Amino acid sequence: MAIDAAPSAAVEAALALADAAERHAALGEAFPEFLSQHPALAQQWLRSAMPTISTENRLVLLRELAAVDPQLAIDLARDGNEATRRAASREVQVAWAAIDPTASAQAFLNDPVADDDSAVEISRLWAQRDPAAAFAFAASLDSTAARHESLAAIVEAWAVSDPASAAQALATLPPTTSRMPLVDRVARQWASSDPNAALAWAQRLPLAEERFAATVTVAAVARAR
């Protein structure tokens, strides 16, 4: 079945713009409208046009598609060379995480080209909705760098809204030196709202180094209040 060119005209005109900023802005308006008014045609057009679209423009379109049909966006992101697939998968997973972080995280775990940056952004967005679930996801990551950075992003925000719960989550991690930056984040935020509770927690930490560092942090924050 031939695709009617008229509904895609605005998208194709946007793609033809020479200025990158103008092109991105135009695509950000034209493609969502195309998807909204003609979803089947838009998806069919995107499948056929994807091989001819530059990586830069592909990322813009996939980000918009992820808001409507994230699974199709993930499927289309897997086309191209590894570098292209990695960038496209990251774009889709992050856009998807803003809508459904649980599904996005599952897609990340099943993606052979998923990278650390995707994990960190998924964790950051998930933490805004469900920090406990985001923490569990981040703690399970195989990549040491992604795990540390994701946990730091989650604890940074969680310690502001609910330091006691963040502290409870930290207790599920092995008490090693890599946990120290997370302990410090909780100590700083908790001490700013409830220094007595923060101090009681700091003095119960299992490692002597953690107890000392957290106690010093709590005392310093309390003095500065």
Protein backbone atom coordinates (compact mmCIF):
# COMPACT_ATOMS: atom_id res chain seq x y z
CA MET A 1 0.00 0.00 0.00
CA ALA A 2 1.45 3.33 -0.98
CA ILE A 3 1.89 5.92 1.73
CA ASP A 4 0.05 9.17 1.23
CA ALA A 5 2.82 11.79 1.18
CA ALA A 6 0.63 14.63 2.43
CA PRO A 7 0.58 13.74 6.15
CA SER A 8 4.37 13.42 6.22
CA ALA A 9 5.02 16.65 4.30
CA ALA A 10 5.65 18.76 7.41
CA VAL A 11 8.13 16.23 8.79
CA GLU A 12 9.96 15.97 5.48
CA ALA A 13 10.08 19.77 5.22
CA ALA A 14 11.52 19.91 8.75
CA LEU A 15 14.18 17.35 7.84
CA ALA A 16 15.20 19.51 4.90
CA LEU A 17 16.02 22.55 7.07
CA ALA A 18 19.73 23.36 7.02
CA ASP A 19 20.01 24.91 10.48
CA ALA A 20 20.24 22.17 13.14
CA ALA A 21 18.43 24.12 15.88
CA GLU A 22 15.58 25.05 13.55
CA ARG A 23 15.42 21.49 12.24
CA HIS A 24 15.19 19.99 15.71
CA ALA A 25 12.52 22.46 16.77
CA ALA A 26 10.50 21.83 13.62
CA LEU A 27 10.77 18.05 14.00
CA GLY A 28 9.72 18.37 17.62
CA GLU A 29 6.49 19.98 16.44
CA ALA A 30 5.80 18.18 13.16
CA PHE A 31 6.48 14.57 14.08
CA PRO A 32 4.34 14.40 17.26
CA GLU A 33 1.47 15.94 15.27
CA PHE A 34 1.99 13.38 12.51
CA LEU A 35 1.98 10.58 15.11
CA SER A 36 -1.12 11.95 16.80
CA GLN A 37 -3.18 12.43 13.66
CA HIS A 38 -1.93 9.49 11.57
CA PRO A 39 -0.24 6.99 13.93
CA ALA A 40 -0.17 4.03 11.53
CA LEU A 41 1.09 6.14 8.61
CA ALA A 42 3.66 7.86 10.80
CA GLN A 43 5.08 4.59 12.03
CA GLN A 44 5.10 3.12 8.52
CA TRP A 45 6.79 6.24 7.16
CA LEU A 46 9.40 6.15 9.92
CA ARG A 47 10.24 2.50 9.25
CA SER A 48 10.78 3.18 5.56
CA ALA A 49 12.61 6.49 6.03
CA MET A 50 14.89 5.49 8.91
CA PRO A 51 17.76 4.14 6.73
CA THR A 52 18.04 7.47 4.91
CA ILE A 53 17.84 9.75 7.97
CA SER A 54 21.02 11.04 9.60
CA THR A 55 21.88 9.83 13.10
CA GLU A 56 21.27 13.29 14.55
CA ASN A 57 17.77 13.52 13.08
CA ARG A 58 17.02 9.90 13.90
CA LEU A 59 17.60 10.61 17.59
CA VAL A 60 15.12 13.48 17.53
CA LEU A 61 12.45 11.35 15.84
CA LEU A 62 13.02 8.34 18.09
CA ARG A 63 12.73 10.52 21.18
CA GLU A 64 9.34 11.74 20.00
CA LEU A 65 8.25 8.21 19.03
CA ALA A 66 9.23 6.90 22.47
CA ALA A 67 6.49 9.01 24.03
CA VAL A 68 3.88 7.23 21.88
CA ASP A 69 5.22 3.76 21.08
CA PRO A 70 8.40 3.09 23.07
CA GLN A 71 8.66 -0.55 22.00
CA LEU A 72 8.64 0.42 18.32
CA ALA A 73 11.18 3.12 19.12
CA ILE A 74 13.43 0.53 20.78
CA ASP A 75 13.07 -1.79 17.78
CA LEU A 76 13.98 0.98 15.35
CA ALA A 77 16.85 2.10 17.57
CA ARG A 78 18.51 -1.26 17.01
CA ASP A 79 19.11 -0.54 13.33
CA GLY A 80 22.48 0.75 12.14
CA ASN A 81 26.04 0.31 13.38
CA GLU A 82 26.89 -0.20 17.06
CA ALA A 83 27.65 3.46 17.78
CA THR A 84 24.36 4.53 16.20
CA ARG A 85 22.43 1.81 18.02
CA ARG A 86 23.99 2.78 21.34
CA ALA A 87 23.08 6.47 20.96
CA ALA A 88 19.58 5.68 19.70
CA SER A 89 18.88 3.16 22.46
CA ARG A 90 20.02 5.66 25.08
CA GLU A 91 17.74 8.36 23.64
CA VAL A 92 14.72 6.06 23.65
CA GLN A 93 15.33 4.52 27.06
CA VAL A 94 15.72 7.92 28.72
CA ALA A 95 12.58 9.27 27.04
CA TRP A 96 10.73 6.09 28.01
CA ALA A 97 11.95 6.35 31.61
CA ALA A 98 10.22 9.70 31.95
CA ILE A 99 6.92 7.90 31.22
CA ASP A 100 7.41 4.35 32.52
CA PRO A 101 10.76 3.84 34.27
CA THR A 102 9.99 0.21 35.15
CA ALA A 103 9.50 -0.75 31.50
CA SER A 104 12.45 1.36 30.45
CA ALA A 105 14.69 -0.38 32.98
CA GLN A 106 13.59 -3.77 31.69
CA ALA A 107 14.35 -2.71 28.14
CA PHE A 108 17.76 -1.52 29.31
CA LEU A 109 18.53 -4.89 30.90
CA ASN A 110 17.59 -6.68 27.66
CA ASP A 111 19.58 -4.32 25.42
CA PRO A 112 22.99 -5.67 24.34
CA VAL A 113 24.28 -2.17 23.52
CA ALA A 114 22.92 -0.38 26.60
CA ASP A 115 25.51 1.87 28.22
CA ASP A 116 26.26 3.36 31.63
CA ASP A 117 24.81 6.76 30.75
CA SER A 118 21.42 5.16 30.08
CA ALA A 119 21.47 3.40 33.45
CA VAL A 120 22.27 6.61 35.29
CA GLU A 121 19.52 8.62 33.58
CA ILE A 122 16.93 5.86 34.06
CA SER A 123 17.86 5.70 37.75
CA ARG A 124 17.66 9.47 38.12
CA LEU A 125 14.21 9.67 36.52
CA TRP A 126 12.90 6.59 38.32
CA ALA A 127 14.01 8.01 41.66
CA GLN A 128 11.60 10.92 41.18
CA ARG A 129 8.69 8.44 41.26
CA ASP A 130 9.89 5.49 43.31
CA PRO A 131 13.34 5.88 44.88
CA ALA A 132 13.23 2.46 46.53
CA ALA A 133 12.62 0.68 43.21
CA ALA A 134 15.23 2.86 41.50
CA PHE A 135 17.72 2.03 44.25
CA ALA A 136 17.14 -1.71 43.83
CA PHE A 137 17.66 -1.41 40.06
CA ALA A 138 20.83 0.63 40.45
CA ALA A 139 22.26 -1.69 43.10
CA SER A 140 21.84 -4.65 40.74
CA LEU A 141 23.79 -3.14 37.84
CA ASP A 142 26.79 -5.13 36.67
CA SER A 143 28.85 -2.08 35.70
CA THR A 144 30.67 -0.74 38.75
CA ALA A 145 30.81 2.78 37.34
CA ALA A 146 27.11 2.81 36.42
CA ARG A 147 26.17 1.34 39.79
CA HIS A 148 28.11 3.92 41.80
CA GLU A 149 26.94 6.90 39.74
CA SER A 150 23.32 5.74 39.66
CA LEU A 151 23.20 5.12 43.41
CA ALA A 152 24.76 8.52 44.04
CA ALA A 153 22.12 10.25 41.91
CA ILE A 154 19.30 8.41 43.68
CA VAL A 155 20.59 8.94 47.20
CA GLU A 156 21.27 12.63 46.52
CA ALA A 157 17.58 13.22 45.84
CA TRP A 158 16.17 10.64 48.24
CA ALA A 159 18.13 11.98 51.19
CA VAL A 160 16.44 15.35 50.69
CA SER A 161 12.88 13.99 50.72
CA ASP A 162 13.24 11.05 53.11
CA PRO A 163 16.71 10.62 54.67
CA ALA A 164 15.57 7.86 57.01
CA SER A 165 14.42 5.69 54.12
CA ALA A 166 17.58 6.46 52.17
CA ALA A 167 19.60 5.38 55.19
CA GLN A 168 17.62 2.13 55.42
CA ALA A 169 18.35 1.45 51.76
CA LEU A 170 22.06 2.06 52.31
CA ALA A 171 22.04 -0.63 54.98
CA THR A 172 21.25 -3.21 52.28
CA LEU A 173 24.55 -2.49 50.52
CA PRO A 174 27.76 -4.25 51.57
CA PRO A 175 29.60 -2.08 54.13
CA THR A 176 32.64 -1.29 51.99
CA THR A 177 34.59 1.89 51.32
CA SER A 178 32.64 2.43 48.09
CA ARG A 179 29.59 3.16 50.25
CA MET A 180 31.26 6.12 51.95
CA PRO A 181 30.13 8.82 49.44
CA LEU A 182 26.52 7.66 49.83
CA VAL A 183 26.77 7.76 53.62
CA ASP A 184 28.11 11.30 53.41
CA ARG A 185 25.19 12.41 51.22
CA VAL A 186 22.66 11.05 53.69
CA ALA A 187 24.52 12.53 56.65
CA ARG A 188 24.59 16.00 55.10
CA GLN A 189 20.93 16.08 54.12
CA TRP A 190 19.61 14.45 57.28
CA ALA A 191 21.66 16.72 59.53
CA SER A 192 20.17 19.77 57.84
CA SER A 193 16.63 18.70 58.82
CA ASP A 194 17.07 16.59 61.96
CA PRO A 195 20.62 16.55 63.36
CA ASN A 196 19.70 14.43 66.39
CA ALA A 197 18.25 11.63 64.26
CA ALA A 198 21.17 11.94 61.86
CA LEU A 199 23.69 11.65 64.68
CA ALA A 200 21.94 8.61 66.16
CA TRP A 201 22.06 6.92 62.75
CA ALA A 202 25.70 7.90 62.16
CA GLN A 203 26.77 6.33 65.45
CA ARG A 204 25.12 3.01 64.53
CA LEU A 205 26.93 2.59 61.19
CA PRO A 206 28.81 -0.72 61.00
CA LEU A 207 32.20 0.52 59.82
CA ALA A 208 34.35 2.67 62.09
CA GLU A 209 35.37 4.86 59.13
CA GLU A 210 31.72 5.47 58.28
CA ARG A 211 30.80 6.26 61.86
CA PHE A 212 33.62 8.75 62.18
CA ALA A 213 33.07 10.46 58.82
CA ALA A 214 29.28 10.64 59.19
CA THR A 215 29.51 11.94 62.76
CA VAL A 216 31.93 14.66 61.69
CA THR A 217 29.66 15.63 58.79
CA VAL A 218 26.55 15.75 60.96
CA ALA A 219 28.35 17.90 63.55
CA ALA A 220 29.63 20.30 60.91
CA VAL A 221 26.22 20.72 59.29
CA ALA A 222 24.54 21.15 62.68
CA ARG A 223 26.99 23.87 63.68
CA ALA A 224 26.37 25.73 60.44
CA ARG A 225 22.58 25.74 60.84
